[in-house]
Amino acid sequence: MLLNNIEALLILLNYGYIIATGLALAGYAARWLVEGIILGTVGLEGDGGPIGDLSELLSRIVRWFGSR
């Protein structure tokens, strides 16, 4: 999904890959931030969205390496 956004920004704005990538990453980070604030307000922080998925993946990796 991020690559699609970068390509769309590149085509629409014609700024180049570096600026298009920066804009796409800034938008993705803003989405994470807003999701975290809204989910945190209603008491569901860390349960969903990309941050929750990433933290779950990292905890699984740590458990897997710790069990060896």
PDB file of N, CA and C in Angstrom:
ATOM      1  N   MET A   1       0.822  -1.181   0.000  1.00  0.00           N
ATOM      2  CA  MET A   1       0.000   0.000   0.000  1.00  0.00           C
ATOM      3  C   MET A   1       0.875   1.258   0.000  1.00  0.00           C
ATOM      4  N   LEU A   2       1.955   1.232   0.728  1.00  0.00           N
ATOM      5  CA  LEU A   2       2.834   2.401   0.776  1.00  0.00           C
ATOM      6  C   LEU A   2       3.466   2.664  -0.584  1.00  0.00           C
ATOM      7  N   LEU A   3       3.856   1.593  -1.276  1.00  0.00           N
ATOM      8  CA  LEU A   3       4.448   1.777  -2.604  1.00  0.00           C
ATOM      9  C   LEU A   3       3.442   2.347  -3.595  1.00  0.00           C
ATOM     10  N   ASN A   4       2.193   1.939  -3.476  1.00  0.00           N
ATOM     11  CA  ASN A   4       1.160   2.504  -4.344  1.00  0.00           C
ATOM     12  C   ASN A   4       1.004   3.996  -4.102  1.00  0.00           C
ATOM     13  N   ASN A   5       1.047   4.400  -2.837  1.00  0.00           N
ATOM     14  CA  ASN A   5       0.935   5.823  -2.512  1.00  0.00           C
ATOM     15  C   ASN A   5       2.132   6.607  -3.042  1.00  0.00           C
ATOM     16  N   ILE A   6       3.308   6.037  -2.948  1.00  0.00           N
ATOM     17  CA  ILE A   6       4.506   6.708  -3.457  1.00  0.00           C
ATOM     18  C   ILE A   6       4.397   6.890  -4.973  1.00  0.00           C
ATOM     19  N   GLU A   7       3.986   5.849  -5.664  1.00  0.00           N
ATOM     20  CA  GLU A   7       3.848   5.950  -7.117  1.00  0.00           C
ATOM     21  C   GLU A   7       2.775   6.964  -7.503  1.00  0.00           C
ATOM     22  N   ALA A   8       1.654   6.983  -6.780  1.00  0.00           N
ATOM     23  CA  ALA A   8       0.594   7.947  -7.078  1.00  0.00           C
ATOM     24  C   ALA A   8       1.081   9.377  -6.868  1.00  0.00           C
ATOM     25  N   LEU A   9       1.810   9.614  -5.781  1.00  0.00           N
ATOM     26  CA  LEU A   9       2.357  10.952  -5.535  1.00  0.00           C
ATOM     27  C   LEU A   9       3.380  11.326  -6.594  1.00  0.00           C
ATOM     28  N   LEU A  10       4.172  10.364  -7.005  1.00  0.00           N
ATOM     29  CA  LEU A  10       5.171  10.619  -8.035  1.00  0.00           C
ATOM     30  C   LEU A  10       4.499  11.031  -9.345  1.00  0.00           C
ATOM     31  N   ILE A  11       3.448  10.327  -9.710  1.00  0.00           N
ATOM     32  CA  ILE A  11       2.751  10.623 -10.964  1.00  0.00           C
ATOM     33  C   ILE A  11       2.003  11.951 -10.874  1.00  0.00           C
ATOM     34  N   LEU A  12       1.280  12.142  -9.770  1.00  0.00           N
ATOM     35  CA  LEU A  12       0.450  13.341  -9.655  1.00  0.00           C
ATOM     36  C   LEU A  12       1.249  14.613  -9.431  1.00  0.00           C
ATOM     37  N   LEU A  13       2.269  14.555  -8.597  1.00  0.00           N
ATOM     38  CA  LEU A  13       3.001  15.765  -8.229  1.00  0.00           C
ATOM     39  C   LEU A  13       4.290  15.967  -9.016  1.00  0.00           C
ATOM     40  N   ASN A  14       4.828  14.870  -9.565  1.00  0.00           N
ATOM     41  CA  ASN A  14       6.051  14.920 -10.360  1.00  0.00           C
ATOM     42  C   ASN A  14       7.207  15.569  -9.589  1.00  0.00           C
ATOM     43  N   TYR A  15       7.370  15.185  -8.308  1.00  0.00           N
ATOM     44  CA  TYR A  15       8.442  15.728  -7.472  1.00  0.00           C
ATOM     45  C   TYR A  15       9.668  14.836  -7.427  1.00  0.00           C
ATOM     46  N   GLY A  16       9.563  13.596  -7.754  1.00  0.00           N
ATOM     47  CA  GLY A  16      10.675  12.662  -7.644  1.00  0.00           C
ATOM     48  C   GLY A  16      10.432  11.677  -6.512  1.00  0.00           C
ATOM     49  N   TYR A  17      11.227  10.615  -6.509  1.00  0.00           N
ATOM     50  CA  TYR A  17      11.011   9.542  -5.544  1.00  0.00           C
ATOM     51  C   TYR A  17      11.296   9.949  -4.101  1.00  0.00           C
ATOM     52  N   ILE A  18      12.279  10.769  -3.880  1.00  0.00           N
ATOM     53  CA  ILE A  18      12.646  11.126  -2.505  1.00  0.00           C
ATOM     54  C   ILE A  18      11.530  11.926  -1.841  1.00  0.00           C
ATOM     55  N   ILE A  19      11.032  12.935  -2.519  1.00  0.00           N
ATOM     56  CA  ILE A  19       9.961  13.755  -1.934  1.00  0.00           C
ATOM     57  C   ILE A  19       8.665  12.960  -1.846  1.00  0.00           C
ATOM     58  N   ALA A  20       8.353  12.159  -2.876  1.00  0.00           N
ATOM     59  CA  ALA A  20       7.142  11.345  -2.843  1.00  0.00           C
ATOM     60  C   ALA A  20       7.203  10.336  -1.702  1.00  0.00           C
ATOM     61  N   THR A  21       8.366   9.739  -1.470  1.00  0.00           N
ATOM     62  CA  THR A  21       8.532   8.791  -0.369  1.00  0.00           C
ATOM     63  C   THR A  21       8.380   9.493   0.975  1.00  0.00           C
ATOM     64  N   GLY A  22       8.984  10.672   1.100  1.00  0.00           N
ATOM     65  CA  GLY A  22       8.849  11.441   2.338  1.00  0.00           C
ATOM     66  C   GLY A  22       7.411  11.818   2.634  1.00  0.00           C
ATOM     67  N   LEU A  23       6.683  12.241   1.611  1.00  0.00           N
ATOM     68  CA  LEU A  23       5.268  12.590   1.805  1.00  0.00           C
ATOM     69  C   LEU A  23       4.436  11.367   2.200  1.00  0.00           C
ATOM     70  N   ALA A  24       4.702  10.242   1.538  1.00  0.00           N
ATOM     71  CA  ALA A  24       3.953   9.021   1.859  1.00  0.00           C
ATOM     72  C   ALA A  24       4.259   8.550   3.271  1.00  0.00           C
ATOM     73  N   LEU A  25       5.529   8.607   3.677  1.00  0.00           N
ATOM     74  CA  LEU A  25       5.894   8.196   5.035  1.00  0.00           C
ATOM     75  C   LEU A  25       5.326   9.157   6.076  1.00  0.00           C
ATOM     76  N   ALA A  26       5.299  10.445   5.767  1.00  0.00           N
ATOM     77  CA  ALA A  26       4.707  11.417   6.688  1.00  0.00           C
ATOM     78  C   ALA A  26       3.214  11.157   6.852  1.00  0.00           C
ATOM     79  N   GLY A  27       2.547  10.835   5.765  1.00  0.00           N
ATOM     80  CA  GLY A  27       1.124  10.507   5.846  1.00  0.00           C
ATOM     81  C   GLY A  27       0.878   9.237   6.649  1.00  0.00           C
ATOM     82  N   TYR A  28       1.733   8.249   6.460  1.00  0.00           N
ATOM     83  CA  TYR A  28       1.608   6.994   7.202  1.00  0.00           C
ATOM     84  C   TYR A  28       1.844   7.226   8.696  1.00  0.00           C
ATOM     85  N   ALA A  29       2.852   8.033   9.017  1.00  0.00           N
ATOM     86  CA  ALA A  29       3.144   8.349  10.423  1.00  0.00           C
ATOM     87  C   ALA A  29       1.999   9.142  11.049  1.00  0.00           C
ATOM     88  N   ALA A  30       1.429  10.066  10.297  1.00  0.00           N
ATOM     89  CA  ALA A  30       0.290  10.837  10.806  1.00  0.00           C
ATOM     90  C   ALA A  30      -0.900   9.922  11.078  1.00  0.00           C
ATOM     91  N   ARG A  31      -1.105   8.960  10.210  1.00  0.00           N
ATOM     92  CA  ARG A  31      -2.201   8.005  10.420  1.00  0.00           C
ATOM     93  C   ARG A  31      -1.978   7.211  11.709  1.00  0.00           C
ATOM     94  N   TRP A  32      -0.748   6.722  11.922  1.00  0.00           N
ATOM     95  CA  TRP A  32      -0.442   5.990  13.153  1.00  0.00           C
ATOM     96  C   TRP A  32      -0.686   6.853  14.382  1.00  0.00           C
ATOM     97  N   LEU A  33      -0.259   8.103  14.309  1.00  0.00           N
ATOM     98  CA  LEU A  33      -0.399   9.008  15.438  1.00  0.00           C
ATOM     99  C   LEU A  33      -1.868   9.266  15.753  1.00  0.00           C
ATOM    100  N   VAL A  34      -2.648   9.563  14.746  1.00  0.00           N
ATOM    101  CA  VAL A  34      -4.073   9.845  14.959  1.00  0.00           C
ATOM    102  C   VAL A  34      -4.794   8.599  15.452  1.00  0.00           C
ATOM    103  N   GLU A  35      -4.483   7.446  14.864  1.00  0.00           N
ATOM    104  CA  GLU A  35      -5.103   6.206  15.333  1.00  0.00           C
ATOM    105  C   GLU A  35      -4.755   5.953  16.793  1.00  0.00           C
ATOM    106  N   GLY A  36      -3.499   6.190  17.159  1.00  0.00           N
ATOM    107  CA  GLY A  36      -3.084   5.979  18.543  1.00  0.00           C
ATOM    108  C   GLY A  36      -3.801   6.905  19.499  1.00  0.00           C
ATOM    109  N   ILE A  37      -3.993   8.164  19.116  1.00  0.00           N
ATOM    110  CA  ILE A  37      -4.684   9.119  19.989  1.00  0.00           C
ATOM    111  C   ILE A  37      -6.148   8.741  20.135  1.00  0.00           C
ATOM    112  N   ILE A  38      -6.795   8.427  19.025  1.00  0.00           N
ATOM    113  CA  ILE A  38      -8.221   8.092  19.085  1.00  0.00           C
ATOM    114  C   ILE A  38      -8.433   6.784  19.831  1.00  0.00           C
ATOM    115  N   LEU A  39      -7.632   5.770  19.521  1.00  0.00           N
ATOM    116  CA  LEU A  39      -7.777   4.495  20.224  1.00  0.00           C
ATOM    117  C   LEU A  39      -7.407   4.633  21.698  1.00  0.00           C
ATOM    118  N   GLY A  40      -6.417   5.465  21.994  1.00  0.00           N
ATOM    119  CA  GLY A  40      -6.042   5.697  23.386  1.00  0.00           C
ATOM    120  C   GLY A  40      -7.130   6.407  24.162  1.00  0.00           C
ATOM    121  N   THR A  41      -7.864   7.283  23.497  1.00  0.00           N
ATOM    122  CA  THR A  41      -8.943   8.021  24.152  1.00  0.00           C
ATOM    123  C   THR A  41     -10.062   7.083  24.592  1.00  0.00           C
ATOM    124  N   VAL A  42     -10.352   6.074  23.782  1.00  0.00           N
ATOM    125  CA  VAL A  42     -11.429   5.152  24.135  1.00  0.00           C
ATOM    126  C   VAL A  42     -10.921   3.901  24.837  1.00  0.00           C
ATOM    127  N   GLY A  43      -9.622   3.860  25.158  1.00  0.00           N
ATOM    128  CA  GLY A  43      -9.073   2.754  25.940  1.00  0.00           C
ATOM    129  C   GLY A  43      -8.683   1.531  25.146  1.00  0.00           C
ATOM    130  N   LEU A  44      -8.429   1.676  23.851  1.00  0.00           N
ATOM    131  CA  LEU A  44      -8.072   0.525  23.026  1.00  0.00           C
ATOM    132  C   LEU A  44      -6.671   0.634  22.448  1.00  0.00           C
ATOM    133  N   GLU A  45      -5.786   1.383  23.087  1.00  0.00           N
ATOM    134  CA  GLU A  45      -4.457   1.590  22.528  1.00  0.00           C
ATOM    135  C   GLU A  45      -3.702   0.278  22.409  1.00  0.00           C
ATOM    136  N   GLY A  46      -3.001   0.128  21.304  1.00  0.00           N
ATOM    137  CA  GLY A  46      -2.191  -1.057  21.069  1.00  0.00           C
ATOM    138  C   GLY A  46      -2.962  -2.272  20.618  1.00  0.00           C
ATOM    139  N   ASP A  47      -4.282  -2.173  20.472  1.00  0.00           N
ATOM    140  CA  ASP A  47      -5.061  -3.336  20.088  1.00  0.00           C
ATOM    141  C   ASP A  47      -5.167  -3.509  18.582  1.00  0.00           C
ATOM    142  N   GLY A  48      -4.988  -2.468  17.828  1.00  0.00           N
ATOM    143  CA  GLY A  48      -5.162  -2.596  16.391  1.00  0.00           C
ATOM    144  C   GLY A  48      -4.275  -1.649  15.634  1.00  0.00           C
ATOM    145  N   GLY A  49      -4.418  -1.694  14.356  1.00  0.00           N
ATOM    146  CA  GLY A  49      -3.633  -0.812  13.508  1.00  0.00           C
ATOM    147  C   GLY A  49      -2.229  -1.320  13.327  1.00  0.00           C
ATOM    148  N   PRO A  50      -1.467  -0.595  12.566  1.00  0.00           N
ATOM    149  CA  PRO A  50      -0.113  -1.069  12.255  1.00  0.00           C
ATOM    150  C   PRO A  50       0.820  -1.107  13.451  1.00  0.00           C
ATOM    151  N   ILE A  51       0.647  -0.224  14.410  1.00  0.00           N
ATOM    152  CA  ILE A  51       1.531  -0.221  15.581  1.00  0.00           C
ATOM    153  C   ILE A  51       1.287  -1.462  16.423  1.00  0.00           C
ATOM    154  N   GLY A  52       0.030  -1.830  16.620  1.00  0.00           N
ATOM    155  CA  GLY A  52      -0.291  -3.044  17.363  1.00  0.00           C
ATOM    156  C   GLY A  52       0.233  -4.283  16.668  1.00  0.00           C
ATOM    157  N   ASP A  53       0.127  -4.312  15.338  1.00  0.00           N
ATOM    158  CA  ASP A  53       0.645  -5.442  14.578  1.00  0.00           C
ATOM    159  C   ASP A  53       2.155  -5.527  14.684  1.00  0.00           C
ATOM    160  N   LEU A  54       2.829  -4.395  14.616  1.00  0.00           N
ATOM    161  CA  LEU A  54       4.286  -4.378  14.699  1.00  0.00           C
ATOM    162  C   LEU A  54       4.767  -4.800  16.079  1.00  0.00           C
ATOM    163  N   SER A  55       4.115  -4.323  17.123  1.00  0.00           N
ATOM    164  CA  SER A  55       4.528  -4.711  18.473  1.00  0.00           C
ATOM    165  C   SER A  55       4.277  -6.196  18.725  1.00  0.00           C
ATOM    166  N   GLU A  56       3.198  -6.727  18.174  1.00  0.00           N
ATOM    167  CA  GLU A  56       2.937  -8.167  18.301  1.00  0.00           C
ATOM    168  C   GLU A  56       4.005  -8.978  17.586  1.00  0.00           C
ATOM    169  N   LEU A  57       4.390  -8.555  16.406  1.00  0.00           N
ATOM    170  CA  LEU A  57       5.426  -9.251  15.651  1.00  0.00           C
ATOM    171  C   LEU A  57       6.762  -9.213  16.392  1.00  0.00           C
ATOM    172  N   LEU A  58       7.129  -8.056  16.917  1.00  0.00           N
ATOM    173  CA  LEU A  58       8.390  -7.945  17.652  1.00  0.00           C
ATOM    174  C   LEU A  58       8.386  -8.806  18.913  1.00  0.00           C
ATOM    175  N   SER A  59       7.262  -8.860  19.621  1.00  0.00           N
ATOM    176  CA  SER A  59       7.209  -9.689  20.821  1.00  0.00           C
ATOM    177  C   SER A  59       7.318 -11.170  20.471  1.00  0.00           C
ATOM    178  N   ARG A  60       6.748 -11.575  19.350  1.00  0.00           N
ATOM    179  CA  ARG A  60       6.875 -12.976  18.922  1.00  0.00           C
ATOM    180  C   ARG A  60       8.319 -13.315  18.565  1.00  0.00           C
ATOM    181  N   ILE A  61       8.994 -12.384  17.881  1.00  0.00           N
ATOM    182  CA  ILE A  61      10.391 -12.614  17.511  1.00  0.00           C
ATOM    183  C   ILE A  61      11.260 -12.732  18.757  1.00  0.00           C
ATOM    184  N   VAL A  62      11.049 -11.860  19.726  1.00  0.00           N
ATOM    185  CA  VAL A  62      11.822 -11.901  20.972  1.00  0.00           C
ATOM    186  C   VAL A  62      11.562 -13.200  21.717  1.00  0.00           C
ATOM    187  N   ARG A  63      10.311 -13.632  21.795  1.00  0.00           N
ATOM    188  CA  ARG A  63       9.994 -14.911  22.457  1.00  0.00           C
ATOM    189  C   ARG A  63      10.644 -16.084  21.728  1.00  0.00           C
ATOM    190  N   TRP A  64      10.646 -16.040  20.381  1.00  0.00           N
ATOM    191  CA  TRP A  64      11.207 -17.133  19.597  1.00  0.00           C
ATOM    192  C   TRP A  64      12.710 -17.242  19.834  1.00  0.00           C
ATOM    193  N   PHE A  65      13.405 -16.102  19.804  1.00  0.00           N
ATOM    194  CA  PHE A  65      14.848 -16.140  20.035  1.00  0.00           C
ATOM    195  C   PHE A  65      15.170 -16.444  21.494  1.00  0.00           C
ATOM    196  N   GLY A  66      14.307 -16.053  22.405  1.00  0.00           N
ATOM    197  CA  GLY A  66      14.546 -16.308  23.826  1.00  0.00           C
ATOM    198  C   GLY A  66      14.364 -17.771  24.193  1.00  0.00           C
ATOM    199  N   SER A  67      13.586 -18.509  23.396  1.00  0.00           N
ATOM    200  CA  SER A  67      13.324 -19.909  23.725  1.00  0.00           C
ATOM    201  C   SER A  67      14.420 -20.841  23.235  1.00  0.00           C
ATOM    202  N   ARG A  68      15.372 -20.314  22.506  1.00  0.00           N
ATOM    203  CA  ARG A  68      16.426 -21.178  21.936  1.00  0.00           C
ATOM    204  C   ARG A  68      17.572 -21.316  22.856  1.00  0.00           C
TER     205      ARG A  68
END
